Amino acid sequence: MEENIQTLKNNLDVVNSKLSNNNLDIGETKEFLVTNQTYLNSELNKLEATKNSSVKGLQDIINNSDISSYISDFLDNFRKFVDLLNLEQLVALFNIIGYVTILFTLFSITTLLIGDYLIDNLKLEIRFPKLAKLIRIKQILNKHSLFFNIIMFYVIVITFIIMNIYMLLLKYFI
């Protein structure tokens, strides 16, 4: 939309300069330029009005939406759902959440390793010397991210094992 407005402004400037300097091209008349100027002005006003109404509508949506209320509603509904579950269902829900978390962590580790493998085997630093600095920065960030993901994987697995043992003992000894 901004491009259209800028194009219309440029065309309008051209028409205005031709009218003020009486610099008419072959086949152009002053009446044609005045008509063109009127048309461009009306189109420009319509586009600016549309842009302003769109911006105002987006601002109203942003101002009226409260993300924290959506999050708190979701958490309240999740708590109500968890309160309705018996012990076996809680164990199953915990295992599902744990397995999904492990799956995402493994996926992240895998994509990091595959990315580094592709960079090394395709010799991207040599083939694209202008991007070499960015590639090195990406590899440094990947090393830190990989370290974090591996630690998270072990923390999740250990937590997963401890909680499953606790749930097993809770069921049979209480």
Foldseek 3Di string as FASTA:
>chain_A
DVVVLVVLVVVLVVLVVCQVVVVDDPPDDVVNSVVVNVVSVVVNVVVVVVVVVVVVVVVVVVVPDDVVVVVVVVVVVVVVVVVPDDLVVVLVVLVVVLVVVLVVLVVLLVVLVVVVVCCVVVVCCVVPVVCVVVVVVSNVVSVVVNVVSVVVNVVSVVVNVVVVVVSVCVVPPD
